[in-house]
Amino acid sequence: MGSTSVPAELLLLRDGIDEIDAEILKGLARRFELTQRVGELKASMDLEPFDGAREAEKLARLRLLAAELGVSGELTDELFSRVMREAVDNHRKLRAKRG
């Protein structure tokens, strides 16, 4: 099905989705800028890269927010667990560089 046969309303909705996807990526980039700074601070203070209590609290808050917004809790857990895992991996690399 070529775009010439796609209804205009569908194309507009897809454009909106594309804009939101770009916003999500920009938000992730901003988040990783901040977690980079957190990782540098943790490394300079010789703190552990992973804070299990912080992660559990954060996921619990995000699940509540997801429920309020009508977003799947399972999706929220999977998405944010993966994002946080990436940040922790980066923190571990920063700590290893400091020796």
PDB file of N, CA and C in Angstrom:
ATOM      1  N   MET A   1       0.841  -1.168   0.000  1.00  0.00           N
ATOM      2  CA  MET A   1       0.000   0.000   0.000  1.00  0.00           C
ATOM      3  C   MET A   1       0.891   1.238   0.000  1.00  0.00           C
ATOM      4  N   GLY A   2       0.914   1.999  -1.087  1.00  0.00           N
ATOM      5  CA  GLY A   2       1.699   3.216  -1.183  1.00  0.00           C
ATOM      6  C   GLY A   2       1.056   4.342  -0.399  1.00  0.00           C
ATOM      7  N   SER A   3       1.810   5.394  -0.103  1.00  0.00           N
ATOM      8  CA  SER A   3       1.293   6.498   0.697  1.00  0.00           C
ATOM      9  C   SER A   3       0.183   7.252  -0.024  1.00  0.00           C
ATOM     10  N   THR A   4       0.090   7.135  -1.354  1.00  0.00           N
ATOM     11  CA  THR A   4      -0.986   7.820  -2.082  1.00  0.00           C
ATOM     12  C   THR A   4      -2.340   7.219  -1.755  1.00  0.00           C
ATOM     13  N   SER A   5      -2.388   5.962  -1.322  1.00  0.00           N
ATOM     14  CA  SER A   5      -3.663   5.334  -0.991  1.00  0.00           C
ATOM     15  C   SER A   5      -3.948   5.365   0.509  1.00  0.00           C
ATOM     16  N   VAL A   6      -3.058   5.981   1.289  1.00  0.00           N
ATOM     17  CA  VAL A   6      -3.255   6.062   2.728  1.00  0.00           C
ATOM     18  C   VAL A   6      -4.097   7.305   3.034  1.00  0.00           C
ATOM     19  N   PRO A   7      -5.149   7.146   3.833  1.00  0.00           N
ATOM     20  CA  PRO A   7      -5.998   8.292   4.159  1.00  0.00           C
ATOM     21  C   PRO A   7      -5.207   9.424   4.836  1.00  0.00           C
ATOM     22  N   ALA A   8      -5.589  10.657   4.540  1.00  0.00           N
ATOM     23  CA  ALA A   8      -4.904  11.840   5.088  1.00  0.00           C
ATOM     24  C   ALA A   8      -4.878  11.810   6.614  1.00  0.00           C
ATOM     25  N   GLU A   9      -5.971  11.391   7.221  1.00  0.00           N
ATOM     26  CA  GLU A   9      -6.025  11.346   8.689  1.00  0.00           C
ATOM     27  C   GLU A   9      -4.966  10.399   9.250  1.00  0.00           C
ATOM     28  N   LEU A  10      -4.783   9.259   8.601  1.00  0.00           N
ATOM     29  CA  LEU A  10      -3.773   8.294   9.031  1.00  0.00           C
ATOM     30  C   LEU A  10      -2.374   8.892   8.908  1.00  0.00           C
ATOM     31  N   LEU A  11      -2.135   9.606   7.816  1.00  0.00           N
ATOM     32  CA  LEU A  11      -0.833  10.245   7.629  1.00  0.00           C
ATOM     33  C   LEU A  11      -0.565  11.284   8.715  1.00  0.00           C
ATOM     34  N   LEU A  12      -1.585  12.047   9.084  1.00  0.00           N
ATOM     35  CA  LEU A  12      -1.438  13.038  10.156  1.00  0.00           C
ATOM     36  C   LEU A  12      -1.143  12.369  11.497  1.00  0.00           C
ATOM     37  N   LEU A  13      -1.842  11.292  11.761  1.00  0.00           N
ATOM     38  CA  LEU A  13      -1.595  10.559  13.007  1.00  0.00           C
ATOM     39  C   LEU A  13      -0.178  10.008  13.042  1.00  0.00           C
ATOM     40  N   ARG A  14       0.272   9.478  11.918  1.00  0.00           N
ATOM     41  CA  ARG A  14       1.634   8.947  11.846  1.00  0.00           C
ATOM     42  C   ARG A  14       2.663  10.056  12.035  1.00  0.00           C
ATOM     43  N   ASP A  15       2.385  11.237  11.470  1.00  0.00           N
ATOM     44  CA  ASP A  15       3.289  12.376  11.672  1.00  0.00           C
ATOM     45  C   ASP A  15       3.379  12.720  13.154  1.00  0.00           C
ATOM     46  N   GLY A  16       2.239  12.682  13.840  1.00  0.00           N
ATOM     47  CA  GLY A  16       2.231  12.941  15.279  1.00  0.00           C
ATOM     48  C   GLY A  16       3.050  11.910  16.040  1.00  0.00           C
ATOM     49  N   ILE A  17       2.922  10.665  15.641  1.00  0.00           N
ATOM     50  CA  ILE A  17       3.698   9.590  16.273  1.00  0.00           C
ATOM     51  C   ILE A  17       5.190   9.813  16.028  1.00  0.00           C
ATOM     52  N   ASP A  18       5.548  10.186  14.807  1.00  0.00           N
ATOM     53  CA  ASP A  18       6.958  10.450  14.485  1.00  0.00           C
ATOM     54  C   ASP A  18       7.514  11.578  15.347  1.00  0.00           C
ATOM     55  N   GLU A  19       6.717  12.620  15.560  1.00  0.00           N
ATOM     56  CA  GLU A  19       7.156  13.735  16.405  1.00  0.00           C
ATOM     57  C   GLU A  19       7.362  13.282  17.847  1.00  0.00           C
ATOM     58  N   ILE A  20       6.450  12.483  18.352  1.00  0.00           N
ATOM     59  CA  ILE A  20       6.574  11.979  19.728  1.00  0.00           C
ATOM     60  C   ILE A  20       7.789  11.078  19.853  1.00  0.00           C
ATOM     61  N   ASP A  21       8.031  10.224  18.847  1.00  0.00           N
ATOM     62  CA  ASP A  21       9.220   9.364  18.879  1.00  0.00           C
ATOM     63  C   ASP A  21      10.489  10.202  18.966  1.00  0.00           C
ATOM     64  N   ALA A  22      10.541  11.298  18.213  1.00  0.00           N
ATOM     65  CA  ALA A  22      11.708  12.184  18.270  1.00  0.00           C
ATOM     66  C   ALA A  22      11.827  12.829  19.656  1.00  0.00           C
ATOM     67  N   GLU A  23      10.701  13.207  20.245  1.00  0.00           N
ATOM     68  CA  GLU A  23      10.709  13.780  21.596  1.00  0.00           C
ATOM     69  C   GLU A  23      11.213  12.760  22.611  1.00  0.00           C
ATOM     70  N   ILE A  24      10.796  11.514  22.473  1.00  0.00           N
ATOM     71  CA  ILE A  24      11.245  10.458  23.383  1.00  0.00           C
ATOM     72  C   ILE A  24      12.760  10.306  23.283  1.00  0.00           C
ATOM     73  N   LEU A  25      13.286  10.281  22.062  1.00  0.00           N
ATOM     74  CA  LEU A  25      14.739  10.150  21.889  1.00  0.00           C
ATOM     75  C   LEU A  25      15.483  11.347  22.452  1.00  0.00           C
ATOM     76  N   LYS A  26      14.949  12.539  22.256  1.00  0.00           N
ATOM     77  CA  LYS A  26      15.581  13.737  22.819  1.00  0.00           C
ATOM     78  C   LYS A  26      15.556  13.673  24.348  1.00  0.00           C
ATOM     79  N   GLY A  27      14.452  13.193  24.901  1.00  0.00           N
ATOM     80  CA  GLY A  27      14.355  13.020  26.351  1.00  0.00           C
ATOM     81  C   GLY A  27      15.366  12.005  26.862  1.00  0.00           C
ATOM     82  N   LEU A  28      15.530  10.914  26.131  1.00  0.00           N
ATOM     83  CA  LEU A  28      16.540   9.916  26.508  1.00  0.00           C
ATOM     84  C   LEU A  28      17.941  10.505  26.458  1.00  0.00           C
ATOM     85  N   ALA A  29      18.212  11.303  25.444  1.00  0.00           N
ATOM     86  CA  ALA A  29      19.530  11.933  25.334  1.00  0.00           C
ATOM     87  C   ALA A  29      19.779  12.849  26.528  1.00  0.00           C
ATOM     88  N   ARG A  30      18.773  13.643  26.910  1.00  0.00           N
ATOM     89  CA  ARG A  30      18.916  14.520  28.085  1.00  0.00           C
ATOM     90  C   ARG A  30      19.113  13.691  29.350  1.00  0.00           C
ATOM     91  N   ARG A  31      18.361  12.596  29.453  1.00  0.00           N
ATOM     92  CA  ARG A  31      18.489  11.729  30.629  1.00  0.00           C
ATOM     93  C   ARG A  31      19.903  11.168  30.727  1.00  0.00           C
ATOM     94  N   PHE A  32      20.443  10.698  29.592  1.00  0.00           N
ATOM     95  CA  PHE A  32      21.787  10.127  29.617  1.00  0.00           C
ATOM     96  C   PHE A  32      22.856  11.182  29.868  1.00  0.00           C
ATOM     97  N   GLU A  33      22.614  12.429  29.490  1.00  0.00           N
ATOM     98  CA  GLU A  33      23.544  13.505  29.853  1.00  0.00           C
ATOM     99  C   GLU A  33      23.608  13.635  31.378  1.00  0.00           C
ATOM    100  N   LEU A  34      22.437  13.594  32.015  1.00  0.00           N
ATOM    101  CA  LEU A  34      22.397  13.700  33.477  1.00  0.00           C
ATOM    102  C   LEU A  34      22.989  12.467  34.144  1.00  0.00           C
ATOM    103  N   THR A  35      22.673  11.283  33.639  1.00  0.00           N
ATOM    104  CA  THR A  35      23.220  10.085  34.271  1.00  0.00           C
ATOM    105  C   THR A  35      24.734   9.998  34.055  1.00  0.00           C
ATOM    106  N   GLN A  36      25.227  10.595  32.979  1.00  0.00           N
ATOM    107  CA  GLN A  36      26.680  10.666  32.781  1.00  0.00           C
ATOM    108  C   GLN A  36      27.311  11.483  33.907  1.00  0.00           C
ATOM    109  N   ARG A  37      26.684  12.600  34.228  1.00  0.00           N
ATOM    110  CA  ARG A  37      27.200  13.439  35.316  1.00  0.00           C
ATOM    111  C   ARG A  37      27.107  12.708  36.652  1.00  0.00           C
ATOM    112  N   VAL A  38      26.006  11.975  36.857  1.00  0.00           N
ATOM    113  CA  VAL A  38      25.861  11.179  38.081  1.00  0.00           C
ATOM    114  C   VAL A  38      26.990  10.150  38.155  1.00  0.00           C
ATOM    115  N   GLY A  39      27.233   9.467  37.043  1.00  0.00           N
ATOM    116  CA  GLY A  39      28.290   8.454  37.011  1.00  0.00           C
ATOM    117  C   GLY A  39      29.658   9.037  37.295  1.00  0.00           C
ATOM    118  N   GLU A  40      29.933  10.210  36.750  1.00  0.00           N
ATOM    119  CA  GLU A  40      31.217  10.869  37.011  1.00  0.00           C
ATOM    120  C   GLU A  40      31.347  11.226  38.485  1.00  0.00           C
ATOM    121  N   LEU A  41      30.267  11.729  39.065  1.00  0.00           N
ATOM    122  CA  LEU A  41      30.286  12.074  40.487  1.00  0.00           C
ATOM    123  C   LEU A  41      30.471  10.824  41.346  1.00  0.00           C
ATOM    124  N   LYS A  42      29.730   9.764  41.031  1.00  0.00           N
ATOM    125  CA  LYS A  42      29.878   8.515  41.781  1.00  0.00           C
ATOM    126  C   LYS A  42      31.308   7.990  41.682  1.00  0.00           C
ATOM    127  N   ALA A  43      31.875   8.026  40.483  1.00  0.00           N
ATOM    128  CA  ALA A  43      33.239   7.528  40.295  1.00  0.00           C
ATOM    129  C   ALA A  43      34.223   8.364  41.099  1.00  0.00           C
ATOM    130  N   SER A  44      34.053   9.675  41.102  1.00  0.00           N
ATOM    131  CA  SER A  44      34.986  10.549  41.828  1.00  0.00           C
ATOM    132  C   SER A  44      34.887  10.353  43.334  1.00  0.00           C
ATOM    133  N   MET A  45      33.714   9.895  43.810  1.00  0.00           N
ATOM    134  CA  MET A  45      33.507   9.679  45.241  1.00  0.00           C
ATOM    135  C   MET A  45      33.640   8.204  45.613  1.00  0.00           C
ATOM    136  N   ASP A  46      34.039   7.392  44.638  1.00  0.00           N
ATOM    137  CA  ASP A  46      34.194   5.954  44.819  1.00  0.00           C
ATOM    138  C   ASP A  46      32.911   5.301  45.347  1.00  0.00           C
ATOM    139  N   LEU A  47      31.767   5.733  44.789  1.00  0.00           N
ATOM    140  CA  LEU A  47      30.473   5.144  45.146  1.00  0.00           C
ATOM    141  C   LEU A  47      30.147   4.031  44.162  1.00  0.00           C
ATOM    142  N   GLU A  48      29.334   3.090  44.605  1.00  0.00           N
ATOM    143  CA  GLU A  48      28.932   1.977  43.755  1.00  0.00           C
ATOM    144  C   GLU A  48      28.110   2.481  42.564  1.00  0.00           C
ATOM    145  N   PRO A  49      28.318   1.906  41.403  1.00  0.00           N
ATOM    146  CA  PRO A  49      27.553   2.310  40.217  1.00  0.00           C
ATOM    147  C   PRO A  49      26.062   1.985  40.322  1.00  0.00           C
ATOM    148  N   PHE A  50      25.717   0.926  41.045  1.00  0.00           N
ATOM    149  CA  PHE A  50      24.327   0.470  41.130  1.00  0.00           C
ATOM    150  C   PHE A  50      23.777   0.719  42.520  1.00  0.00           C
ATOM    151  N   ASP A  51      22.610   1.349  42.574  1.00  0.00           N
ATOM    152  CA  ASP A  51      21.903   1.594  43.830  1.00  0.00           C
ATOM    153  C   ASP A  51      20.546   0.908  43.713  1.00  0.00           C
ATOM    154  N   GLY A  52      20.474  -0.321  44.199  1.00  0.00           N
ATOM    155  CA  GLY A  52      19.264  -1.130  44.067  1.00  0.00           C
ATOM    156  C   GLY A  52      18.049  -0.497  44.714  1.00  0.00           C
ATOM    157  N   ALA A  53      18.235   0.139  45.875  1.00  0.00           N
ATOM    158  CA  ALA A  53      17.099   0.770  46.555  1.00  0.00           C
ATOM    159  C   ALA A  53      16.557   1.921  45.714  1.00  0.00           C
ATOM    160  N   ARG A  54      17.442   2.735  45.164  1.00  0.00           N
ATOM    161  CA  ARG A  54      17.017   3.861  44.308  1.00  0.00           C
ATOM    162  C   ARG A  54      16.269   3.344  43.088  1.00  0.00           C
ATOM    163  N   GLU A  55      16.801   2.295  42.464  1.00  0.00           N
ATOM    164  CA  GLU A  55      16.148   1.759  41.271  1.00  0.00           C
ATOM    165  C   GLU A  55      14.762   1.203  41.599  1.00  0.00           C
ATOM    166  N   ALA A  56      14.642   0.474  42.705  1.00  0.00           N
ATOM    167  CA  ALA A  56      13.347  -0.090  43.098  1.00  0.00           C
ATOM    168  C   ALA A  56      12.337   1.016  43.385  1.00  0.00           C
ATOM    169  N   GLU A  57      12.757   2.061  44.093  1.00  0.00           N
ATOM    170  CA  GLU A  57      11.868   3.185  44.392  1.00  0.00           C
ATOM    171  C   GLU A  57      11.429   3.877  43.101  1.00  0.00           C
ATOM    172  N   LYS A  58      12.382   4.078  42.207  1.00  0.00           N
ATOM    173  CA  LYS A  58      12.084   4.759  40.947  1.00  0.00           C
ATOM    174  C   LYS A  58      11.096   3.940  40.115  1.00  0.00           C
ATOM    175  N   LEU A  59      11.327   2.636  40.002  1.00  0.00           N
ATOM    176  CA  LEU A  59      10.409   1.793  39.234  1.00  0.00           C
ATOM    177  C   LEU A  59       9.008   1.779  39.850  1.00  0.00           C
ATOM    178  N   ALA A  60       8.923   1.782  41.159  1.00  0.00           N
ATOM    179  CA  ALA A  60       7.619   1.806  41.824  1.00  0.00           C
ATOM    180  C   ALA A  60       6.877   3.100  41.499  1.00  0.00           C
ATOM    181  N   ARG A  61       7.584   4.225  41.565  1.00  0.00           N
ATOM    182  CA  ARG A  61       6.957   5.514  41.227  1.00  0.00           C
ATOM    183  C   ARG A  61       6.519   5.541  39.757  1.00  0.00           C
ATOM    184  N   LEU A  62       7.367   5.011  38.893  1.00  0.00           N
ATOM    185  CA  LEU A  62       7.035   5.000  37.465  1.00  0.00           C
ATOM    186  C   LEU A  62       5.833   4.102  37.172  1.00  0.00           C
ATOM    187  N   ARG A  63       5.728   2.972  37.887  1.00  0.00           N
ATOM    188  CA  ARG A  63       4.562   2.095  37.708  1.00  0.00           C
ATOM    189  C   ARG A  63       3.274   2.804  38.122  1.00  0.00           C
ATOM    190  N   LEU A  64       3.336   3.565  39.219  1.00  0.00           N
ATOM    191  CA  LEU A  64       2.158   4.321  39.657  1.00  0.00           C
ATOM    192  C   LEU A  64       1.774   5.361  38.610  1.00  0.00           C
ATOM    193  N   LEU A  65       2.753   6.074  38.109  1.00  0.00           N
ATOM    194  CA  LEU A  65       2.493   7.076  37.083  1.00  0.00           C
ATOM    195  C   LEU A  65       1.932   6.418  35.821  1.00  0.00           C
ATOM    196  N   ALA A  66       2.515   5.296  35.443  1.00  0.00           N
ATOM    197  CA  ALA A  66       2.032   4.567  34.265  1.00  0.00           C
ATOM    198  C   ALA A  66       0.566   4.183  34.433  1.00  0.00           C
ATOM    199  N   ALA A  67       0.208   3.702  35.618  1.00  0.00           N
ATOM    200  CA  ALA A  67      -1.179   3.309  35.878  1.00  0.00           C
ATOM    201  C   ALA A  67      -2.103   4.517  35.754  1.00  0.00           C
ATOM    202  N   GLU A  68      -1.677   5.665  36.274  1.00  0.00           N
ATOM    203  CA  GLU A  68      -2.485   6.880  36.171  1.00  0.00           C
ATOM    204  C   GLU A  68      -2.677   7.302  34.713  1.00  0.00           C
ATOM    205  N   LEU A  69      -1.661   7.057  33.902  1.00  0.00           N
ATOM    206  CA  LEU A  69      -1.692   7.481  32.505  1.00  0.00           C
ATOM    207  C   LEU A  69      -2.267   6.426  31.560  1.00  0.00           C
ATOM    208  N   GLY A  70      -2.583   5.253  32.116  1.00  0.00           N
ATOM    209  CA  GLY A  70      -3.132   4.182  31.288  1.00  0.00           C
ATOM    210  C   GLY A  70      -2.083   3.474  30.439  1.00  0.00           C
ATOM    211  N   VAL A  71      -0.845   3.478  30.925  1.00  0.00           N
ATOM    212  CA  VAL A  71       0.257   2.811  30.218  1.00  0.00           C
ATOM    213  C   VAL A  71       0.537   1.495  30.928  1.00  0.00           C
ATOM    214  N   SER A  72       0.859   0.483  30.165  1.00  0.00           N
ATOM    215  CA  SER A  72       1.138  -0.839  30.708  1.00  0.00           C
ATOM    216  C   SER A  72       2.278  -0.802  31.739  1.00  0.00           C
ATOM    217  N   GLY A  73       2.026  -1.401  32.893  1.00  0.00           N
ATOM    218  CA  GLY A  73       3.060  -1.512  33.914  1.00  0.00           C
ATOM    219  C   GLY A  73       4.211  -2.389  33.454  1.00  0.00           C
ATOM    220  N   GLU A  74       3.879  -3.442  32.723  1.00  0.00           N
ATOM    221  CA  GLU A  74       4.911  -4.344  32.210  1.00  0.00           C
ATOM    222  C   GLU A  74       5.829  -3.607  31.233  1.00  0.00           C
ATOM    223  N   LEU A  75       5.233  -2.844  30.336  1.00  0.00           N
ATOM    224  CA  LEU A  75       6.033  -2.055  29.395  1.00  0.00           C
ATOM    225  C   LEU A  75       6.911  -1.063  30.141  1.00  0.00           C
ATOM    226  N   THR A  76       6.330  -0.407  31.136  1.00  0.00           N
ATOM    227  CA  THR A  76       7.072   0.570  31.926  1.00  0.00           C
ATOM    228  C   THR A  76       8.267  -0.080  32.599  1.00  0.00           C
ATOM    229  N   ASP A  77       8.045  -1.235  33.232  1.00  0.00           N
ATOM    230  CA  ASP A  77       9.150  -1.954  33.883  1.00  0.00           C
ATOM    231  C   ASP A  77      10.241  -2.328  32.888  1.00  0.00           C
ATOM    232  N   GLU A  78       9.842  -2.901  31.760  1.00  0.00           N
ATOM    233  CA  GLU A  78      10.827  -3.333  30.764  1.00  0.00           C
ATOM    234  C   GLU A  78      11.611  -2.152  30.210  1.00  0.00           C
ATOM    235  N   LEU A  79      10.904  -1.108  29.852  1.00  0.00           N
ATOM    236  CA  LEU A  79      11.538   0.058  29.243  1.00  0.00           C
ATOM    237  C   LEU A  79      12.511   0.732  30.206  1.00  0.00           C
ATOM    238  N   PHE A  80      12.027   1.046  31.398  1.00  0.00           N
ATOM    239  CA  PHE A  80      12.878   1.781  32.322  1.00  0.00           C
ATOM    240  C   PHE A  80      13.950   0.923  32.953  1.00  0.00           C
ATOM    241  N   SER A  81      13.698  -0.361  33.124  1.00  0.00           N
ATOM    242  CA  SER A  81      14.768  -1.247  33.609  1.00  0.00           C
ATOM    243  C   SER A  81      15.912  -1.258  32.608  1.00  0.00           C
ATOM    244  N   ARG A  82      15.577  -1.305  31.333  1.00  0.00           N
ATOM    245  CA  ARG A  82      16.616  -1.304  30.292  1.00  0.00           C
ATOM    246  C   ARG A  82      17.374   0.024  30.250  1.00  0.00           C
ATOM    247  N   VAL A  83      16.649   1.121  30.360  1.00  0.00           N
ATOM    248  CA  VAL A  83      17.284   2.446  30.373  1.00  0.00           C
ATOM    249  C   VAL A  83      18.212   2.568  31.580  1.00  0.00           C
ATOM    250  N   MET A  84      17.747   2.128  32.740  1.00  0.00           N
ATOM    251  CA  MET A  84      18.578   2.213  33.949  1.00  0.00           C
ATOM    252  C   MET A  84      19.776   1.284  33.867  1.00  0.00           C
ATOM    253  N   ARG A  85      19.605   0.125  33.268  1.00  0.00           N
ATOM    254  CA  ARG A  85      20.722  -0.812  33.103  1.00  0.00           C
ATOM    255  C   ARG A  85      21.820  -0.171  32.241  1.00  0.00           C
ATOM    256  N   GLU A  86      21.422   0.526  31.209  1.00  0.00           N
ATOM    257  CA  GLU A  86      22.386   1.223  30.349  1.00  0.00           C
ATOM    258  C   GLU A  86      23.152   2.276  31.147  1.00  0.00           C
ATOM    259  N   ALA A  87      22.445   3.031  31.981  1.00  0.00           N
ATOM    260  CA  ALA A  87      23.098   4.048  32.804  1.00  0.00           C
ATOM    261  C   ALA A  87      24.089   3.406  33.772  1.00  0.00           C
ATOM    262  N   VAL A  88      23.686   2.319  34.407  1.00  0.00           N
ATOM    263  CA  VAL A  88      24.577   1.637  35.353  1.00  0.00           C
ATOM    264  C   VAL A  88      25.799   1.085  34.625  1.00  0.00           C
ATOM    265  N   ASP A  89      25.607   0.527  33.445  1.00  0.00           N
ATOM    266  CA  ASP A  89      26.749   0.044  32.658  1.00  0.00           C
ATOM    267  C   ASP A  89      27.724   1.189  32.380  1.00  0.00           C
ATOM    268  N   ASN A  90      27.187   2.348  32.038  1.00  0.00           N
ATOM    269  CA  ASN A  90      28.044   3.510  31.804  1.00  0.00           C
ATOM    270  C   ASN A  90      28.759   3.927  33.078  1.00  0.00           C
ATOM    271  N   HIS A  91      28.075   3.864  34.205  1.00  0.00           N
ATOM    272  CA  HIS A  91      28.699   4.213  35.487  1.00  0.00           C
ATOM    273  C   HIS A  91      29.845   3.245  35.802  1.00  0.00           C
ATOM    274  N   ARG A  92      29.633   1.976  35.515  1.00  0.00           N
ATOM    275  CA  ARG A  92      30.693   0.982  35.757  1.00  0.00           C
ATOM    276  C   ARG A  92      31.922   1.271  34.893  1.00  0.00           C
ATOM    277  N   LYS A  93      31.697   1.664  33.657  1.00  0.00           N
ATOM    278  CA  LYS A  93      32.815   2.001  32.755  1.00  0.00           C
ATOM    279  C   LYS A  93      33.570   3.216  33.279  1.00  0.00           C
ATOM    280  N   LEU A  94      32.837   4.207  33.760  1.00  0.00           N
ATOM    281  CA  LEU A  94      33.482   5.403  34.311  1.00  0.00           C
ATOM    282  C   LEU A  94      34.308   5.051  35.541  1.00  0.00           C
ATOM    283  N   ARG A  95      33.774   4.206  36.386  1.00  0.00           N
ATOM    284  CA  ARG A  95      34.491   3.806  37.599  1.00  0.00           C
ATOM    285  C   ARG A  95      35.749   3.013  37.235  1.00  0.00           C
ATOM    286  N   ALA A  96      35.640   2.137  36.260  1.00  0.00           N
ATOM    287  CA  ALA A  96      36.799   1.331  35.832  1.00  0.00           C
ATOM    288  C   ALA A  96      37.906   2.231  35.268  1.00  0.00           C
ATOM    289  N   LYS A  97      37.532   3.283  34.564  1.00  0.00           N
ATOM    290  CA  LYS A  97      38.518   4.212  34.014  1.00  0.00           C
ATOM    291  C   LYS A  97      39.308   4.909  35.120  1.00  0.00           C
ATOM    292  N   ARG A  98      38.631   5.161  36.238  1.00  0.00           N
ATOM    293  CA  ARG A  98      39.296   5.844  37.350  1.00  0.00           C
ATOM    294  C   ARG A  98      40.227   4.894  38.104  1.00  0.00           C
ATOM    295  N   GLY A  99      40.045   3.603  37.858  1.00  0.00           N
ATOM    296  CA  GLY A  99      40.920   2.596  38.422  1.00  0.00           C
ATOM    297  C   GLY A  99      40.659   2.313  39.836  1.00  0.00           C
TER     298      GLY A  99
END
